[in-house]
Amino acid sequence: MSGTSKDGRRSERRQTLEQVLRWAGRVSLLALAVLFIWGSLEVRKRVRSDPRFRIVDRQLSLGDLPSWAPEEMRQDLEKIRVGGTDEDPLLMFSPKVLDRIRYQILMGCSWVRDVQGIRLRPPAPRGSSRGTVCANTPDSGEIPAIPECDPAGGSIEVEIKLRIPIAVVEAGGTYTLVDREGVRMGPDFEASRLPGLGVPAIVGGDPRRPRRVPQPGFCWEDRDVREGLEVAKVLFDAKIAEQFPDAPVERIDITNVGERAQPGECEIYLTAGKLRLGWGRSPISAGAKTLVVPKILSNLRLALSKRQQWPGLRLVRLYTDPMVGDRPGSKI
């Protein structure tokens, strides 16, 4: 009996020890969890209060813009502010911080088509939260050097793809830049600014109804404008302005789109200096097609290269083969 009682006491002591160890392990795990949570909160608190990691009201620091960029583009880009406020700061470690930066830029400026890359550089130990955002604006595939940023305050390097204007649209006596997607860019421009912008003006339209001008960053929906824009795209892609800098196409007249003004006549006219050129119909016209676009472009190049040989001609019809002047049947 004494042996049995000793074995029982040993078993009880073993069970008691195991219970103590189990509870000690649970308490240790609980303590570690509490310590981890407290440490995380403390780190988060310190990070949020550390000005080096706060992105507050940062301004774009621009390098060289493309040669075609008007001053209004630089002014609008420099107005962009990236980051939160003093009351609600944006941290370098905030969830989806890159997406927030991307959409702040995209939605805030009509000149920006896309943000192709964002890189955050952590600040040095004695940084400042009010730094700059270094913007890289590639032009024709060439990537210029990103301007120097303050390394002490950290940096945000942004590669921006800009919208490229291919025409201006006239409405109410002023003009708005437009890209190949039909998106309006920037403010209104006076007629005196047109030569410096270097793109043709889409003019005319249906005089019976006023043209609805979209806000910057939104597309033109006017059907006549879209037809003129298709012609502007063809001219831009064919590099007509670069090939004939002394005879640029200055106007794309869409008054007769749908033959509403002159039935049976050309729908779209171009103007290059004193030369008036009949384009025919736009690539998206619902009417019957005339010449194919490559042949019209070939005629346009010929007309611009020989413009000095045709004094007095009021119209050159690009949409016929062979190309003719304004007298029916007279070949050039």
Protein backbone atom coordinates (compact mmCIF):
# COMPACT_ATOMS: atom_id res chain seq x y z
CA MET A 1 0.00 0.00 0.00
CA SER A 2 2.83 2.41 0.81
CA GLY A 3 4.27 1.98 -2.68
CA THR A 4 0.90 2.73 -4.27
CA SER A 5 0.43 5.91 -2.22
CA LYS A 6 3.92 7.09 -3.15
CA ASP A 7 3.18 6.54 -6.84
CA GLY A 8 -0.08 8.49 -6.45
CA ARG A 9 1.71 11.41 -4.81
CA ARG A 10 4.32 11.43 -7.57
CA SER A 11 1.57 11.47 -10.22
CA GLU A 12 -0.20 14.38 -8.48
CA ARG A 13 3.04 16.35 -8.26
CA ARG A 14 3.71 15.69 -11.93
CA GLN A 15 0.22 16.85 -12.94
CA THR A 16 0.54 19.95 -10.76
CA LEU A 17 3.91 20.76 -12.32
CA GLU A 18 2.52 20.29 -15.83
CA GLN A 19 -0.40 22.60 -15.03
CA VAL A 20 1.97 25.22 -13.65
CA LEU A 21 4.14 24.98 -16.75
CA ARG A 22 1.10 25.21 -19.04
CA TRP A 23 -0.17 28.31 -17.25
CA ALA A 24 3.31 29.80 -17.20
CA GLY A 25 3.54 29.26 -20.97
CA ARG A 26 0.13 30.86 -21.54
CA VAL A 27 1.04 33.82 -19.37
CA SER A 28 4.36 34.18 -21.22
CA LEU A 29 2.61 34.07 -24.61
CA LEU A 30 0.03 36.60 -23.41
CA ALA A 31 2.80 38.84 -22.13
CA LEU A 32 4.64 38.57 -25.44
CA ALA A 33 1.45 39.37 -27.35
CA VAL A 34 0.76 42.39 -25.15
CA LEU A 35 4.38 43.48 -25.53
CA PHE A 36 4.21 43.04 -29.31
CA ILE A 37 0.97 45.02 -29.57
CA TRP A 38 2.31 47.72 -27.31
CA GLY A 39 5.56 47.85 -29.26
CA SER A 40 3.71 48.05 -32.57
CA LEU A 41 1.51 50.86 -31.30
CA GLU A 42 4.53 52.65 -29.92
CA VAL A 43 6.43 52.30 -33.20
CA ARG A 44 3.38 53.46 -35.13
CA LYS A 45 2.98 56.40 -32.81
CA ARG A 46 6.61 57.38 -33.21
CA VAL A 47 6.50 56.98 -37.00
CA ARG A 48 3.34 59.08 -37.26
CA SER A 49 4.91 61.77 -35.10
CA ASP A 50 8.29 61.66 -36.89
CA PRO A 51 8.28 64.44 -39.52
CA ARG A 52 10.73 62.51 -41.68
CA PHE A 53 8.10 59.95 -42.72
CA ARG A 54 5.20 62.36 -43.23
CA ILE A 55 4.29 63.40 -46.76
CA VAL A 56 2.62 66.78 -46.36
CA ASP A 57 1.90 69.29 -49.15
CA ARG A 58 4.83 68.36 -51.39
CA GLN A 59 5.31 70.27 -54.63
CA LEU A 60 6.45 68.86 -57.97
CA SER A 61 10.06 69.68 -58.80
CA LEU A 62 10.12 69.63 -62.60
CA GLY A 63 13.02 69.00 -64.91
CA ASP A 64 13.04 70.12 -68.53
CA LEU A 65 9.62 69.90 -70.14
CA PRO A 66 9.20 68.94 -73.82
CA SER A 67 9.90 71.72 -76.31
CA TRP A 68 6.25 71.96 -77.32
CA ALA A 69 4.97 72.48 -73.77
CA PRO A 70 3.31 75.88 -73.18
CA GLU A 71 4.04 77.82 -70.01
CA GLU A 72 0.54 77.03 -68.74
CA MET A 73 1.54 73.36 -68.53
CA ARG A 74 4.44 74.11 -66.20
CA GLN A 75 2.27 76.40 -64.08
CA ASP A 76 -0.44 73.75 -63.69
CA LEU A 77 2.04 70.98 -62.90
CA GLU A 78 3.73 73.11 -60.27
CA LYS A 79 0.35 73.68 -58.60
CA ILE A 80 0.02 69.96 -57.88
CA ARG A 81 0.47 69.10 -54.22
CA VAL A 82 1.17 65.52 -53.15
CA GLY A 83 0.47 64.26 -49.64
CA GLY A 84 -1.93 64.80 -46.79
CA THR A 85 -2.41 67.69 -44.42
CA ASP A 86 -0.96 68.43 -41.00
CA GLU A 87 -4.18 67.08 -39.45
CA ASP A 88 -4.33 64.00 -41.69
CA PRO A 89 -0.79 63.28 -42.92
CA LEU A 90 0.11 60.74 -45.56
CA LEU A 91 2.92 58.47 -44.34
CA MET A 92 5.49 56.68 -46.44
CA PHE A 93 4.14 53.48 -44.85
CA SER A 94 0.44 54.26 -45.31
CA PRO A 95 -1.63 51.54 -47.03
CA LYS A 96 -1.68 52.00 -50.83
CA VAL A 97 0.41 55.15 -50.52
CA LEU A 98 1.61 54.84 -54.13
CA ASP A 99 -1.96 54.56 -55.45
CA ARG A 100 -2.98 57.61 -53.45
CA ILE A 101 -0.10 59.60 -54.89
CA ARG A 102 -0.86 58.36 -58.41
CA TYR A 103 -4.52 59.34 -58.33
CA GLN A 104 -3.85 62.69 -56.70
CA ILE A 105 -1.67 63.55 -59.68
CA LEU A 106 -3.83 61.97 -62.38
CA MET A 107 -7.12 63.44 -61.23
CA GLY A 108 -5.69 66.84 -60.47
CA CYS A 109 -4.11 67.84 -63.77
CA SER A 110 -5.46 67.67 -67.32
CA TRP A 111 -1.93 67.64 -68.80
CA VAL A 112 -1.08 64.26 -67.23
CA ARG A 113 -2.07 61.16 -69.14
CA ASP A 114 -0.53 58.57 -66.82
CA VAL A 115 1.91 58.06 -63.96
CA GLN A 116 4.23 55.31 -65.15
CA GLY A 117 6.35 54.94 -62.06
CA ILE A 118 6.66 56.13 -58.46
CA ARG A 119 9.62 55.49 -56.17
CA LEU A 120 9.85 56.48 -52.50
CA ARG A 121 13.26 57.19 -51.03
CA PRO A 122 13.43 57.07 -47.19
CA PRO A 123 14.69 60.25 -45.53
CA ALA A 124 18.01 60.75 -43.79
CA PRO A 125 17.98 60.87 -39.96
CA ARG A 126 17.43 64.62 -39.90
CA GLY A 127 14.94 65.04 -42.68
CA SER A 128 11.97 67.30 -43.21
CA SER A 129 8.43 66.39 -44.19
CA ARG A 130 8.01 69.33 -46.54
CA GLY A 131 10.14 68.31 -49.48
CA THR A 132 9.48 68.04 -53.18
CA VAL A 133 8.26 65.41 -55.62
CA CYS A 134 10.79 64.93 -58.42
CA ALA A 135 8.91 64.60 -61.70
CA ASN A 136 10.39 62.92 -64.76
CA THR A 137 8.54 63.72 -68.01
CA PRO A 138 9.75 61.53 -70.89
CA ASP A 139 9.44 63.03 -74.39
CA SER A 140 9.51 60.82 -77.51
CA GLY A 141 10.82 57.88 -75.48
CA GLU A 142 13.86 59.72 -74.12
CA ILE A 143 14.03 59.87 -70.33
CA PRO A 144 15.79 63.00 -69.05
CA ALA A 145 17.62 63.03 -65.74
CA ILE A 146 15.43 63.43 -62.68
CA PRO A 147 16.17 66.75 -60.95
CA GLU A 148 18.02 66.68 -57.67
CA CYS A 149 15.86 66.19 -54.56
CA ASP A 150 16.70 67.01 -50.97
CA PRO A 151 18.11 63.70 -49.63
CA ALA A 152 17.61 64.83 -46.04
CA GLY A 153 13.86 65.07 -46.50
CA GLY A 154 13.62 61.92 -48.54
CA SER A 155 12.15 62.05 -52.00
CA ILE A 156 9.31 60.82 -54.15
CA GLU A 157 10.40 60.23 -57.74
CA VAL A 158 7.53 60.25 -60.23
CA GLU A 159 7.67 59.41 -63.93
CA ILE A 160 4.82 61.20 -65.66
CA LYS A 161 3.48 60.59 -69.15
CA LEU A 162 2.11 63.87 -70.49
CA ARG A 163 -0.70 64.32 -72.96
CA ILE A 164 0.58 65.56 -76.32
CA PRO A 165 -1.58 68.16 -78.08
CA ILE A 166 -2.37 67.55 -81.74
CA ALA A 167 -4.83 70.40 -82.36
CA VAL A 168 -6.75 73.27 -80.81
CA VAL A 169 -10.54 73.54 -81.01
CA GLU A 170 -12.20 76.92 -81.54
CA ALA A 171 -15.30 77.70 -79.49
CA GLY A 172 -16.72 81.12 -78.74
CA GLY A 173 -13.66 82.98 -80.03
CA THR A 174 -11.14 81.15 -77.85
CA TYR A 175 -9.20 77.93 -78.36
CA THR A 176 -8.53 74.83 -76.26
CA LEU A 177 -5.73 72.31 -76.73
CA VAL A 178 -6.77 68.71 -77.35
CA ASP A 179 -4.85 65.43 -77.49
CA ARG A 180 -5.40 62.44 -79.80
CA GLU A 181 -8.02 61.00 -77.45
CA GLY A 182 -10.07 64.18 -77.64
CA VAL A 183 -9.23 65.26 -74.08
CA ARG A 184 -9.18 68.99 -73.44
CA MET A 185 -5.88 70.18 -71.94
CA GLY A 186 -5.39 73.29 -69.85
CA PRO A 187 -7.10 76.69 -70.08
CA ASP A 188 -8.49 78.69 -72.99
CA PHE A 189 -6.04 80.35 -75.39
CA GLU A 190 -6.47 83.55 -77.39
CA ALA A 191 -6.00 83.53 -81.17
CA SER A 192 -2.69 85.38 -80.79
CA ARG A 193 -1.21 82.28 -79.09
CA LEU A 194 -1.92 79.89 -81.97
CA PRO A 195 1.37 80.27 -83.90
CA GLY A 196 3.36 79.42 -80.77
CA LEU A 197 1.29 76.30 -80.04
CA GLY A 198 2.30 74.76 -83.36
CA VAL A 199 -0.85 72.71 -84.00
CA PRO A 200 -3.77 73.22 -86.44
CA ALA A 201 -7.01 74.82 -85.30
CA ILE A 202 -10.27 72.92 -85.77
CA VAL A 203 -12.77 75.63 -86.73
CA GLY A 204 -16.31 75.93 -88.06
CA GLY A 205 -19.12 73.53 -87.33
CA ASP A 206 -22.87 73.77 -87.21
CA PRO A 207 -23.78 77.45 -86.68
CA ARG A 208 -27.28 76.52 -85.54
CA ARG A 209 -26.15 75.08 -82.22
CA PRO A 210 -23.47 76.29 -79.79
CA ARG A 211 -20.52 74.04 -79.18
CA ARG A 212 -20.37 72.48 -75.69
CA VAL A 213 -16.87 72.90 -74.33
CA PRO A 214 -15.75 70.20 -71.86
CA GLN A 215 -13.89 70.94 -68.65
CA PRO A 216 -10.11 70.36 -68.65
CA GLY A 217 -9.39 66.64 -68.45
CA PHE A 218 -12.65 65.62 -70.18
CA CYS A 219 -13.29 64.60 -73.80
CA TRP A 220 -14.89 66.57 -76.58
CA GLU A 221 -18.14 64.83 -77.50
CA ASP A 222 -19.16 67.11 -80.39
CA ARG A 223 -19.41 64.90 -83.51
CA ASP A 224 -18.05 67.57 -85.85
CA VAL A 225 -15.04 68.11 -83.61
CA ARG A 226 -14.37 64.37 -83.50
CA GLU A 227 -14.29 64.27 -87.32
CA GLY A 228 -11.86 67.17 -87.44
CA LEU A 229 -9.80 65.48 -84.75
CA GLU A 230 -9.47 62.34 -86.91
CA VAL A 231 -7.90 64.45 -89.65
CA ALA A 232 -5.60 66.11 -87.10
CA LYS A 233 -4.48 62.64 -85.97
CA VAL A 234 -3.57 61.69 -89.53
CA LEU A 235 -1.56 64.91 -89.98
CA PHE A 236 0.21 64.41 -86.64
CA ASP A 237 1.09 60.75 -87.23
CA ALA A 238 2.36 61.59 -90.74
CA LYS A 239 4.59 64.36 -89.25
CA ILE A 240 3.35 66.91 -91.78
CA ALA A 241 4.24 69.84 -89.50
CA GLU A 242 7.82 68.56 -89.16
CA GLN A 243 8.21 67.94 -92.90
CA PHE A 244 6.83 71.36 -93.90
CA PRO A 245 7.71 73.82 -91.12
CA ASP A 246 7.46 76.76 -93.55
CA ALA A 247 3.95 75.76 -94.69
CA PRO A 248 2.14 74.40 -91.64
CA VAL A 249 -1.49 73.36 -91.85
CA GLU A 250 -3.09 76.12 -89.78
CA ARG A 251 -6.81 75.30 -89.95
CA ILE A 252 -9.08 72.29 -90.28
CA ASP A 253 -12.49 73.64 -91.30
CA ILE A 254 -15.40 71.34 -90.39
CA THR A 255 -18.24 73.68 -91.45
CA ASN A 256 -19.39 71.35 -94.25
CA VAL A 257 -19.27 68.06 -92.33
CA GLY A 258 -22.26 66.02 -93.50
CA GLU A 259 -22.47 68.37 -96.53
CA ARG A 260 -24.88 70.54 -94.56
CA ALA A 261 -23.54 73.86 -95.90
CA GLN A 262 -22.68 72.84 -99.49
CA PRO A 263 -24.28 69.57 -100.64
CA GLY A 264 -22.08 67.59 -102.99
CA GLU A 265 -18.93 69.45 -102.00
CA CYS A 266 -15.88 68.55 -99.92
CA GLU A 267 -16.66 68.10 -96.21
CA ILE A 268 -13.34 69.14 -94.64
CA TYR A 269 -10.96 71.87 -95.80
CA LEU A 270 -7.40 72.62 -94.73
CA THR A 271 -5.65 75.98 -94.84
CA ALA A 272 -1.87 76.37 -95.21
CA GLY A 273 -0.95 80.01 -95.67
CA LYS A 274 -2.87 81.24 -98.74
CA LEU A 275 -3.46 77.72 -99.97
CA ARG A 276 -6.89 76.14 -99.41
CA LEU A 277 -6.93 72.36 -99.60
CA GLY A 278 -9.94 70.09 -99.92
CA TRP A 279 -9.34 67.01 -97.74
CA GLY A 280 -12.57 65.20 -98.56
CA ARG A 281 -14.19 63.27 -95.72
CA SER A 282 -12.74 62.31 -92.36
CA PRO A 283 -11.77 58.66 -91.69
CA ILE A 284 -14.86 58.29 -89.47
CA SER A 285 -17.32 59.99 -91.84
CA ALA A 286 -20.55 58.11 -92.53
CA GLY A 287 -20.40 59.24 -96.17
CA ALA A 288 -18.95 57.36 -99.10
CA LYS A 289 -15.17 57.23 -99.05
CA THR A 290 -13.05 59.15 -101.54
CA LEU A 291 -9.34 58.41 -101.87
CA VAL A 292 -7.57 56.31 -99.29
CA VAL A 293 -5.74 58.30 -96.63
CA PRO A 294 -2.18 57.45 -97.83
CA LYS A 295 -3.02 58.82 -101.30
CA ILE A 296 -4.55 61.99 -99.80
CA LEU A 297 -1.38 62.47 -97.75
CA SER A 298 0.73 61.99 -100.87
CA ASN A 299 -1.30 64.69 -102.63
CA LEU A 300 -0.97 66.95 -99.57
CA ARG A 301 2.82 66.64 -99.56
CA LEU A 302 2.90 67.41 -103.28
CA ALA A 303 0.64 70.44 -102.86
CA LEU A 304 2.69 71.86 -99.99
CA SER A 305 6.00 71.30 -101.76
CA LYS A 306 4.75 73.05 -104.95
CA ARG A 307 2.66 75.76 -103.30
CA GLN A 308 4.78 78.55 -104.81
CA GLN A 309 4.05 77.29 -108.35
CA TRP A 310 0.30 77.80 -108.07
CA PRO A 311 -0.41 81.49 -107.43
CA GLY A 312 -4.06 82.41 -107.60
CA LEU A 313 -5.49 78.94 -106.97
CA ARG A 314 -8.30 79.14 -104.44
CA LEU A 315 -8.65 75.41 -103.86
CA VAL A 316 -6.61 72.26 -104.41
CA ARG A 317 -8.64 69.06 -104.24
CA LEU A 318 -6.58 66.43 -102.43
CA TYR A 319 -9.29 63.77 -102.59
CA THR A 320 -9.20 63.31 -106.39
CA ASP A 321 -6.76 61.32 -108.52
CA PRO A 322 -5.13 63.12 -110.16
CA MET A 323 -5.17 66.14 -107.85
CA VAL A 324 -6.96 69.12 -109.45
CA GLY A 325 -7.38 72.84 -108.85
CA ASP A 326 -10.60 74.72 -108.21
CA ARG A 327 -11.60 74.67 -111.89
CA PRO A 328 -13.36 71.36 -112.62
CA GLY A 329 -11.19 69.01 -114.62
CA SER A 330 -8.05 71.16 -114.56
CA LYS A 331 -5.10 69.00 -113.64
CA ILE A 332 -2.17 70.35 -111.62
